[in-house]
Protein backbone atom coordinates (compact mmCIF):
# COMPACT_ATOMS: atom_id res chain seq x y z
CA MET A 1 96.44 142.56 9.22
CA ALA A 2 95.53 141.37 12.73
CA LYS A 3 96.52 138.44 14.92
CA VAL A 4 93.42 136.33 15.50
CA LEU A 5 93.10 133.46 17.97
CA LEU A 6 90.26 131.12 17.03
CA VAL A 7 88.89 128.37 19.27
CA ASP A 8 85.93 126.02 18.68
CA ASP A 9 85.52 122.31 19.41
CA ASP A 10 84.01 121.87 15.93
CA LEU A 11 87.13 121.19 13.86
CA THR A 12 85.31 121.79 10.55
CA MET A 13 84.13 125.17 11.80
CA VAL A 14 87.68 126.06 12.89
CA GLN A 15 89.16 125.17 9.51
CA MET A 16 86.48 127.08 7.59
CA VAL A 17 86.72 130.27 9.66
CA ALA A 18 90.54 130.12 9.76
CA GLU A 19 90.75 129.91 5.97
CA LEU A 20 88.27 132.74 5.60
CA LEU A 21 90.30 134.99 7.93
CA ARG A 22 93.58 134.13 6.18
CA GLN A 23 92.03 135.15 2.87
CA GLU A 24 91.29 138.50 4.52
CA GLY A 25 95.01 138.84 5.31
CA HIS A 26 94.94 138.01 9.03
CA GLU A 27 97.37 135.81 10.94
CA VAL A 28 95.28 133.03 12.50
CA PHE A 29 96.04 130.72 15.45
CA PRO A 30 93.34 127.99 15.34
CA PHE A 31 92.50 125.72 18.29
CA SER A 32 89.88 123.05 18.86
CA ASN A 33 90.71 122.66 22.55
CA GLY A 34 89.77 125.29 25.13
CA GLY A 35 92.64 124.53 27.50
CA ALA A 36 95.25 124.89 24.75
CA ALA A 37 93.65 128.16 23.61
CA LEU A 38 93.79 129.56 27.15
CA ALA A 39 97.49 128.73 27.39
CA ALA A 40 98.18 130.30 23.95
CA LEU A 41 96.57 133.65 24.79
CA THR A 42 99.62 134.91 26.66
CA THR A 43 102.04 133.47 24.11
CA HIS A 44 100.44 134.96 20.99
CA SER A 45 98.96 138.23 22.41
CA PRO A 46 96.19 138.34 19.76
CA ASP A 47 94.35 141.46 18.65
CA LEU A 48 91.10 139.52 18.22
CA VAL A 49 89.76 136.35 19.84
CA ILE A 50 86.87 134.38 18.30
CA THR A 51 85.68 131.73 20.71
CA ASP A 52 82.88 129.24 21.03
CA LEU A 53 80.89 129.73 24.23
CA TYR A 54 80.45 126.01 24.96
CA PHE A 55 83.00 123.25 24.39
CA ASP A 56 81.99 119.59 24.29
CA LYS A 57 78.42 120.83 24.75
CA THR A 58 78.85 120.62 28.52
CA ARG A 59 81.20 123.09 30.17
CA ALA A 60 81.30 126.83 29.42
CA HIS A 61 85.05 127.27 28.87
CA GLY A 62 84.30 130.12 26.47
CA LEU A 63 83.71 132.59 29.31
CA GLU A 64 87.17 131.76 30.69
CA VAL A 65 88.64 132.60 27.28
CA VAL A 66 86.72 135.90 27.24
CA GLN A 67 87.91 136.86 30.70
CA LYS A 68 91.55 136.00 30.08
CA ALA A 69 91.57 137.71 26.67
CA ARG A 70 90.19 140.91 28.22
CA ALA A 71 92.80 140.70 31.00
CA LEU A 72 95.70 140.81 28.51
CA SER A 73 97.75 143.99 28.19
CA PRO A 74 96.64 145.40 25.84
CA PRO A 75 93.29 143.55 26.01
CA ALA A 76 92.09 141.60 23.00
CA VAL A 77 88.65 142.27 21.56
CA VAL A 78 86.42 139.18 21.69
CA ILE A 79 83.64 137.79 19.48
CA VAL A 80 81.63 134.91 20.97
CA ILE A 81 79.98 132.29 18.75
CA THR A 82 77.74 129.46 19.90
CA GLY A 83 75.11 127.05 18.73
CA PHE A 84 73.27 127.37 22.01
CA GLY A 85 72.39 131.02 21.77
CA THR A 86 69.94 132.56 24.19
CA ILE A 87 69.60 136.10 25.45
CA GLU A 88 70.95 134.96 28.85
CA THR A 89 74.18 133.59 27.42
CA ALA A 90 74.60 136.69 25.25
CA VAL A 91 74.21 138.96 28.27
CA GLU A 92 76.65 136.85 30.28
CA ALA A 93 79.24 137.03 27.51
CA MET A 94 78.84 140.82 27.19
CA LYS A 95 79.15 141.20 30.97
CA ASN A 96 82.48 139.41 30.77
CA GLY A 97 83.74 141.81 28.10
CA ALA A 98 82.74 140.27 24.76
CA PHE A 99 82.44 142.80 21.94
CA ASP A 100 79.78 140.95 19.96
CA TYR A 101 77.83 137.72 19.78
CA LEU A 102 77.07 135.46 16.80
CA GLU A 103 74.74 132.47 16.83
CA LYS A 104 75.47 129.43 14.65
CA PRO A 105 74.81 129.02 11.85
CA PHE A 106 75.98 132.46 10.72
CA LYS A 107 76.56 133.86 7.26
CA VAL A 108 80.09 134.49 5.95
CA ASP A 109 79.33 138.16 5.30
CA GLU A 110 77.94 138.47 8.82
CA LEU A 111 81.20 137.15 10.31
CA LYS A 112 83.32 139.38 8.06
CA LEU A 113 81.38 142.47 9.11
CA CYS A 114 81.58 141.53 12.77
CA VAL A 115 85.37 141.02 12.56
CA GLN A 116 85.81 144.33 10.73
CA ARG A 117 83.79 146.20 13.36
CA ALA A 118 85.64 144.51 16.22
CA LEU A 119 89.07 145.37 14.80
CA SER A 120 88.01 148.96 14.07
CA TYR A 121 86.79 149.28 17.64
CA ASN A 122 90.04 147.84 18.99
CA ALA A 123 92.09 150.26 16.89
CA ALA A 124 90.03 153.20 18.12
CA VAL A 125 90.41 152.14 21.76
CA THR A 126 94.18 151.73 21.34
CA GLU A 127 94.52 155.14 19.70
CA THR A 128 92.37 156.78 22.37
CA ALA A 129 94.45 155.24 25.15
CA TYR A 130 97.64 156.46 23.48
CA LEU A 131 96.31 159.98 23.01
CA ARG A 132 95.12 160.15 26.61
CA LYS A 133 98.53 159.05 27.84
CA GLN A 134 100.15 161.72 25.65
CA LEU A 135 97.77 164.37 27.01
CA LYS A 136 98.44 163.24 30.54
CA LYS A 137 102.17 163.42 29.92
CA LYS A 138 101.95 166.81 28.24
CA TYR A 139 99.81 168.39 30.92
CA GLN A 140 101.17 166.71 34.01
CA PHE A 141 102.37 169.21 36.60
CA SER A 142 106.03 168.41 35.92
CA GLN A 143 105.66 170.49 32.74
CA ILE A 144 105.19 173.57 34.94
CA ILE A 145 108.73 174.63 35.83
CA GLY A 146 109.81 176.91 38.64
CA ASN A 147 112.28 176.79 41.50
CA ALA A 148 111.48 180.25 42.85
CA SER A 149 109.58 180.46 46.13
CA LYS A 150 106.54 182.03 44.46
CA MET A 151 106.27 179.12 42.02
CA GLN A 152 106.62 176.65 44.86
CA GLU A 153 103.62 178.32 46.49
CA VAL A 154 101.69 177.88 43.24
CA PHE A 155 102.63 174.18 43.19
CA LYS A 156 101.34 173.69 46.74
CA MET A 157 98.04 175.39 45.93
CA ILE A 158 97.54 173.36 42.75
CA GLU A 159 98.20 170.12 44.64
CA ARG A 160 95.50 170.96 47.15
CA VAL A 161 92.74 171.93 44.70
CA ALA A 162 93.35 169.80 41.59
CA ASN A 163 90.92 167.05 42.50
CA THR A 164 88.12 169.25 43.83
CA ASP A 165 85.18 170.73 41.94
CA SER A 166 85.77 174.23 43.36
CA THR A 167 85.71 177.16 40.94
CA ILE A 168 89.24 178.47 40.36
CA LEU A 169 90.31 182.01 39.44
CA LEU A 170 93.79 182.26 37.88
CA LEU A 171 95.36 185.70 38.11
CA GLY A 172 98.48 186.73 36.24
CA GLU A 173 99.89 188.77 33.40
CA SER A 174 99.64 187.59 29.81
CA GLY A 175 102.09 184.78 29.13
CA THR A 176 102.45 183.52 32.70
CA GLY A 177 100.94 180.13 31.87
CA LYS A 178 97.33 180.45 33.01
CA GLU A 179 95.96 178.06 30.37
CA LEU A 180 98.74 175.56 31.08
CA VAL A 181 97.75 175.57 34.76
CA ALA A 182 94.06 175.22 33.83
CA ARG A 183 94.81 172.22 31.62
CA ALA A 184 97.00 170.68 34.31
CA LEU A 185 94.18 171.08 36.83
CA HIS A 186 91.81 169.30 34.44
CA TYR A 187 94.07 166.46 33.31
CA ASN A 188 95.07 165.65 36.88
CA SER A 189 91.52 165.56 38.23
CA ARG A 190 88.77 162.96 38.15
CA ARG A 191 87.28 164.90 35.22
CA GLN A 192 90.28 164.21 32.98
CA PHE A 193 88.40 161.82 30.68
CA ALA A 194 85.68 164.42 29.99
CA PRO A 195 86.20 167.47 27.73
CA PHE A 196 88.43 170.43 28.49
CA VAL A 197 86.95 173.44 26.66
CA PRO A 198 88.99 176.68 26.52
CA VAL A 199 87.23 179.95 25.64
CA ASN A 200 88.92 183.31 25.03
CA CYS A 201 86.21 185.71 26.19
CA SER A 202 87.97 188.74 24.70
CA ALA A 203 88.27 187.28 21.20
CA LEU A 204 84.55 187.31 20.25
CA PRO A 205 81.89 190.05 20.07
CA GLU A 206 79.08 189.91 22.63
CA ASN A 207 76.36 188.31 20.49
CA LEU A 208 78.68 185.65 19.09
CA LEU A 209 80.19 184.84 22.50
CA GLU A 210 76.69 184.40 23.96
CA SER A 211 75.82 181.89 21.25
CA GLU A 212 79.15 180.08 21.65
CA LEU A 213 78.85 179.77 25.42
CA PHE A 214 75.16 178.96 25.78
CA GLY A 215 74.09 177.72 22.33
CA HIS A 216 71.06 178.85 20.35
CA ARG A 217 67.82 177.65 18.86
CA ARG A 218 67.20 177.63 15.14
CA GLY A 219 65.77 180.94 13.96
CA SER A 220 66.58 182.79 17.20
CA PHE A 221 68.63 185.35 15.21
CA THR A 222 69.80 185.98 11.67
CA GLY A 223 72.13 183.20 10.62
CA ALA A 224 70.89 180.67 13.20
CA ILE A 225 70.00 178.05 10.59
CA SER A 226 70.02 175.11 13.04
CA ASP A 227 70.02 174.33 16.75
CA LYS A 228 73.47 174.60 18.30
CA LYS A 229 74.87 173.30 21.57
CA GLY A 230 76.85 175.80 23.61
CA LEU A 231 80.34 175.27 24.99
CA PHE A 232 78.97 174.74 28.50
CA GLU A 233 77.01 171.77 27.16
CA GLU A 234 80.08 170.56 25.24
CA ALA A 235 82.07 170.64 28.50
CA ASP A 236 79.44 168.67 30.45
CA GLY A 237 81.25 166.42 32.93
CA GLY A 238 84.54 168.22 32.35
CA THR A 239 86.10 171.67 32.67
CA ILE A 240 85.47 174.97 30.91
CA PHE A 241 88.29 177.53 30.95
CA LEU A 242 87.08 181.13 30.64
CA ASP A 243 90.17 183.16 29.74
CA GLU A 244 90.03 186.96 30.11
CA VAL A 245 86.68 186.68 31.89
CA GLY A 246 86.88 190.36 32.84
CA SER A 247 86.20 191.38 29.23
CA MET A 248 82.63 190.00 29.30
CA SER A 249 79.75 192.43 28.82
CA ALA A 250 77.31 193.11 31.66
CA MET A 251 74.64 190.97 30.01
CA LEU A 252 76.95 187.96 29.64
CA GLN A 253 78.18 188.40 33.20
CA SER A 254 74.57 188.12 34.36
CA ARG A 255 74.05 184.91 32.37
CA LEU A 256 77.33 183.44 33.64
CA LEU A 257 76.32 184.21 37.21
CA ARG A 258 73.11 182.22 36.72
CA VAL A 259 75.04 179.25 35.35
CA LEU A 260 77.31 179.26 38.40
CA GLN A 261 74.34 179.54 40.77
CA GLU A 262 71.88 177.14 39.15
CA ARG A 263 74.23 174.79 37.24
CA GLU A 264 72.02 175.09 34.17
CA VAL A 265 72.07 176.99 30.88
CA ARG A 266 69.43 178.36 28.53
CA ARG A 267 70.14 178.50 24.82
CA VAL A 268 69.50 181.75 23.01
CA GLY A 269 65.85 181.72 21.91
CA GLU A 270 64.81 179.02 24.40
CA ASN A 271 63.27 179.11 27.86
CA THR A 272 63.91 175.49 28.77
CA PRO A 273 66.91 175.13 31.13
CA ILE A 274 69.52 172.44 30.46
CA SER A 275 71.43 171.02 33.43
CA VAL A 276 75.22 170.96 33.14
CA ASN A 277 77.91 169.47 35.35
CA VAL A 278 80.94 171.64 34.63
CA ARG A 279 83.91 172.82 36.63
CA VAL A 280 84.70 176.46 35.88
CA VAL A 281 88.28 177.74 35.79
CA ALA A 282 88.40 181.45 34.99
CA ALA A 283 91.41 183.69 34.33
CA SER A 284 92.16 187.39 34.18
CA ASN A 285 95.33 189.31 33.32
CA GLU A 286 94.30 192.30 35.43
CA PRO A 287 92.81 192.65 38.94
CA LEU A 288 89.03 192.26 38.76
CA GLU A 289 88.67 194.50 41.83
CA LYS A 290 89.73 197.39 39.60
CA ARG A 291 86.94 196.62 37.14
CA ILE A 292 84.45 196.38 40.01
CA LYS A 293 85.38 199.89 41.15
CA GLU A 294 85.01 201.12 37.57
CA GLY A 295 81.55 199.56 37.43
CA SER A 296 82.40 197.24 34.52
CA PHE A 297 82.37 193.96 36.44
CA ARG A 298 79.69 192.55 38.75
CA GLU A 299 80.77 192.17 42.35
CA ASP A 300 78.50 189.16 42.95
CA LEU A 301 80.02 187.38 39.94
CA TYR A 302 83.49 188.14 41.24
CA TYR A 303 82.74 186.38 44.52
CA ARG A 304 81.29 183.40 42.64
CA LEU A 305 84.48 183.10 40.56
CA ASN A 306 86.91 183.90 43.33
CA VAL A 307 86.27 180.75 45.36
CA ILE A 308 89.96 179.78 45.14
CA ALA A 309 92.35 182.29 43.61
CA ILE A 310 95.76 181.23 42.32
CA PRO A 311 98.07 184.19 41.48
CA LEU A 312 100.79 183.36 38.94
CA PRO A 313 104.01 185.41 39.28
CA SER A 314 105.47 187.27 36.33
CA LEU A 315 108.84 186.14 34.98
CA ARG A 316 110.60 189.26 36.27
CA GLU A 317 109.44 188.27 39.77
CA ARG A 318 111.28 184.96 39.44
CA ARG A 319 114.39 185.74 37.39
CA ASP A 320 116.23 182.79 38.96
CA ASP A 321 113.96 180.51 36.91
CA ILE A 322 115.12 181.97 33.57
CA PRO A 323 118.12 179.60 33.18
CA LEU A 324 115.89 176.64 34.12
CA LEU A 325 113.25 177.61 31.59
CA THR A 326 115.89 178.26 28.95
CA ALA A 327 117.39 174.81 29.46
CA HIS A 328 113.92 173.28 29.28
CA PHE A 329 113.00 175.03 26.02
CA LEU A 330 116.36 174.25 24.39
CA LYS A 331 116.18 170.59 25.37
CA GLY A 332 112.52 170.24 24.49
CA LYS A 333 111.20 172.30 21.61
CA ALA A 334 114.24 173.91 19.97
CA GLY A 335 116.55 170.94 20.48
CA ALA A 336 114.00 168.40 19.27
CA ASP A 337 113.13 170.42 16.17
CA SER A 338 116.74 170.70 15.04
CA HIS A 339 117.83 167.19 16.12
CA ARG A 340 121.00 168.60 17.67
CA PRO A 341 121.99 169.89 21.10
CA ILE A 342 122.03 173.67 21.28
CA GLN A 343 124.03 175.79 23.68
CA MET A 344 124.07 179.51 24.44
CA THR A 345 126.87 182.01 25.04
CA ARG A 346 127.25 183.64 28.45
CA GLN A 347 126.47 187.01 26.88
CA ALA A 348 123.19 185.73 25.41
CA MET A 349 122.24 184.25 28.79
CA ASP A 350 123.04 187.56 30.53
CA ILE A 351 120.69 189.32 28.11
CA LEU A 352 117.91 186.87 28.92
CA CYS A 353 118.42 187.30 32.66
CA SER A 354 118.48 191.11 32.43
CA HIS A 355 115.36 191.57 30.30
CA ASP A 356 112.07 192.50 32.06
CA TRP A 357 109.94 190.11 29.95
CA PRO A 358 106.63 191.95 29.59
CA GLY A 359 105.40 188.90 27.64
CA ASN A 360 106.61 186.58 30.42
CA VAL A 361 107.29 182.86 29.79
CA ARG A 362 105.64 182.94 26.36
CA GLU A 363 107.98 185.73 25.25
CA LEU A 364 110.99 183.81 26.58
CA GLU A 365 109.96 180.66 24.72
CA ASN A 366 109.60 182.61 21.47
CA ALA A 367 113.01 184.22 21.98
CA ILE A 368 114.65 180.82 22.51
CA GLU A 369 112.94 179.39 19.43
CA ARG A 370 114.11 182.37 17.34
CA GLY A 371 117.68 182.01 18.59
CA ALA A 372 117.75 178.26 17.95
CA THR A 373 116.42 178.77 14.43
CA LEU A 374 118.76 181.60 13.42
CA CYS A 375 122.04 180.50 15.03
CA GLU A 376 124.57 179.36 12.41
CA SER A 377 126.33 176.94 14.74
CA ASP A 378 125.11 174.94 17.70
CA VAL A 379 125.55 177.98 19.98
CA ILE A 380 123.06 180.85 20.25
CA GLN A 381 124.89 184.19 20.05
CA ALA A 382 123.58 187.50 21.42
CA GLU A 383 122.81 188.70 17.90
CA ASP A 384 120.52 185.69 17.35
CA LEU A 385 118.11 186.98 20.00
CA PRO A 386 115.23 189.40 19.19
CA PRO A 387 116.38 193.03 18.69
CA SER A 388 113.98 194.21 21.42
CA LEU A 389 115.98 192.23 23.96
CA LEU A 390 119.30 193.68 22.82
CA ALA A 391 117.94 197.23 22.98
CA SER A 392 116.61 196.77 26.53
CA VAL A 393 119.87 195.64 28.13
CA LYS A 394 122.69 197.90 29.30
CA PRO A 395 126.12 196.88 27.91
CA ALA A 396 127.67 197.04 31.39
CA THR A 397 125.52 194.12 32.53
CA LEU A 398 126.81 191.74 29.86
CA ALA A 399 129.54 189.14 30.25
CA LEU A 400 132.97 190.31 29.11
CA ASP A 401 133.74 186.95 27.56
CA ALA A 402 130.97 187.07 25.00
CA GLN A 403 131.83 183.84 23.17
CA SER A 404 132.19 181.45 26.10
CA ALA A 405 129.32 179.02 26.51
CA ALA A 406 126.94 179.49 29.40
CA THR A 407 126.41 176.56 31.73
CA LEU A 408 122.80 175.51 31.36
CA PRO A 409 121.43 173.92 34.53
CA GLU A 410 119.71 170.58 34.78
CA VAL A 411 116.10 171.11 35.85
CA PRO A 412 116.05 169.72 39.42
CA GLU A 413 113.12 167.80 40.85
CA SER A 414 112.43 170.68 43.19
CA ALA A 415 111.71 172.88 40.17
CA LEU A 416 108.99 170.54 38.93
CA TYR A 417 105.59 169.98 40.41
CA PRO A 418 106.50 167.81 43.43
CA PHE A 419 105.03 164.36 44.04
CA PRO A 420 106.53 163.55 47.46
CA HIS A 421 104.13 160.68 48.18
CA GLY A 422 103.63 159.03 44.80
CA PRO A 423 101.10 160.10 42.14
CA ALA A 424 99.42 163.46 42.37
CA PRO A 425 95.98 163.64 43.96
CA GLY A 426 93.36 162.81 41.37
CA THR A 427 95.73 160.91 39.09
CA LEU A 428 93.66 158.07 37.66
CA PRO A 429 94.74 154.53 36.75
CA GLU A 430 95.61 153.58 33.20
CA ALA A 431 93.99 155.66 30.48
CA GLY A 432 90.42 154.57 29.82
CA GLN A 433 89.71 153.37 33.36
CA ALA A 434 88.09 155.56 35.98
CA PRO A 435 88.97 155.13 39.66
CA GLY A 436 87.22 152.21 41.30
CA GLU A 437 85.40 151.20 38.13
CA SER A 438 85.72 148.16 35.90
CA VAL A 439 85.79 148.71 32.17
CA VAL A 440 82.51 147.61 30.59
CA PRO A 441 81.85 146.89 26.91
CA LEU A 442 81.11 149.95 24.81
CA LYS A 443 77.55 148.80 24.07
CA THR A 444 76.81 148.48 27.78
CA TRP A 445 78.32 151.87 28.53
CA LEU A 446 76.34 153.57 25.75
CA ARG A 447 73.11 151.95 26.99
CA GLN A 448 73.81 153.16 30.53
CA GLN A 449 74.49 156.70 29.35
CA GLU A 450 71.31 156.69 27.28
CA GLN A 451 69.22 155.67 30.28
CA VAL A 452 70.81 158.35 32.46
CA HIS A 453 70.00 160.94 29.78
CA LEU A 454 66.39 159.75 29.40
CA ASN A 455 65.75 159.86 33.14
CA ARG A 456 67.37 163.28 33.41
CA ALA A 457 65.00 164.61 30.75
CA ILE A 458 61.97 163.11 32.53
CA ARG A 459 63.02 164.66 35.85
CA GLN A 460 63.58 167.99 34.14
CA CYS A 461 60.02 167.82 32.81
CA ASN A 462 58.65 166.92 36.25
CA GLY A 463 57.68 163.42 35.14
CA ASP A 464 55.82 164.52 31.97
CA LYS A 465 57.03 161.92 29.47
CA GLU A 466 55.38 163.58 26.48
CA GLN A 467 57.23 166.80 27.26
CA ALA A 468 60.44 164.80 27.85
CA ALA A 469 60.09 163.12 24.45
CA LEU A 470 59.64 166.54 22.83
CA LEU A 471 62.72 167.82 24.63
CA LEU A 472 64.74 164.79 23.51
CA GLY A 473 63.55 165.11 19.90
CA ILE A 474 62.04 161.60 19.80
CA SER A 475 58.50 160.22 19.66
CA ILE A 476 56.68 159.21 22.83
CA ALA A 477 56.59 155.62 21.50
CA THR A 478 60.38 155.62 21.15
CA LEU A 479 60.76 156.95 24.68
CA TYR A 480 58.56 154.19 26.13
CA ARG A 481 60.43 151.56 24.12
CA ARG A 482 63.79 152.83 25.40
CA LEU A 483 62.52 152.83 28.97
CA ALA A 484 61.17 149.30 28.54
CA GLU A 485 64.63 148.19 27.37
CA GLU A 486 66.02 149.57 30.63
CA ASP A 487 63.55 147.48 32.66
CA GLU A 488 64.57 144.36 30.74
CA GLN A 489 68.24 144.73 31.67
CA PRO A 490 69.53 142.38 34.37
CA GLY A 491 69.46 144.05 37.76
CA ALA A 492 66.97 146.70 36.68
CA SER A 493 64.41 147.55 39.31
């Protein structure tokens, strides 16, 4: 059920449409006066507004209703109806944010379908905005915790490069948070509304990784039953994260080098290049210089990847952060899962602080989750921790008072990614709105993207429209029709 505000100066029309919508289960606020409807928008906060474009056949109050409805928080989706329909008025309504346009007289089924589509669109936009806010919250830099000097250096470097397009090389042992940093870089940059595509280069054999990264053409190898876009194409406009890039074969290194140099990819079995706009963040858990000396990694590729290197310290290099991380994991994951506050004995904390953590932060998080799951009370005992931790610690280093509770610190602001002057560089406005841009109706945005894609294909084919149509998988007639639609748009030159 949705809240629908309906306004039309034709009282019979208002009554008919209101009854129809109530039969569909919606809550309807009908008006026959434009001024009263404008005043009611803020009061009722409708999900959907259906408005006549002209009232009293003279003044276009309907556009005011559209504008105010779209300015609500959250904005209402708007359907415009009018008996004076022309393409000019339709375009004007769409420019002002209307979702769709119906000309009187319209059929009942036509209105029902339009309302259903509008409400489905509104629900999708609301869900997308919520998910983007959750992603932004999850991957904001304050989720990267560290008070040690080495982590503060990492924070400073991230702040400087987050909103650039420079290629980043993350260096650190397994479990130090390389993917978390890569995601934070993406979700705090101007690319945050485009895809983030992570790839584990060590998890796939060479032939499969080539197909995954660059795509393939149907029939190019056994099992290629259809054309497939590669992950570089999937990440177009966004960020691709190449984890364990040092494990790539020589052939794939050569292809990756070309992508970085030319900003274009070629699918397996094709010779036609495809332009991509992708930021590359690569990661390695071992020094790539070592692989260069061994002859297993290309030196020229290394210099292409190593534009800005960010080394991530191991946990044993920042032991002072162990209590902070422990408090964070207990309060966040373990505490939330069990719906109860969990503490830890001093002896258990001493074990955590004395362990060398070869698995780094990931190993610590797993140890905390195990302890929180197995502890019989609300306090994690030493015996609740993994046996490998107990075996690695000397008894002399443990607290004598084994049962007393350790004091878990509050995570100070200095241990989070610092925002000394407001939002981080590259943080965008509310989800769904890019910096400096107004939100346009989905139809308009899709049309704009289509025209950009068509013109890109024509440029790629050096102006040969027949070749461009073949590349796009459409007929030459369709291409010309689409281009003609572009010329017909207001402001087209």
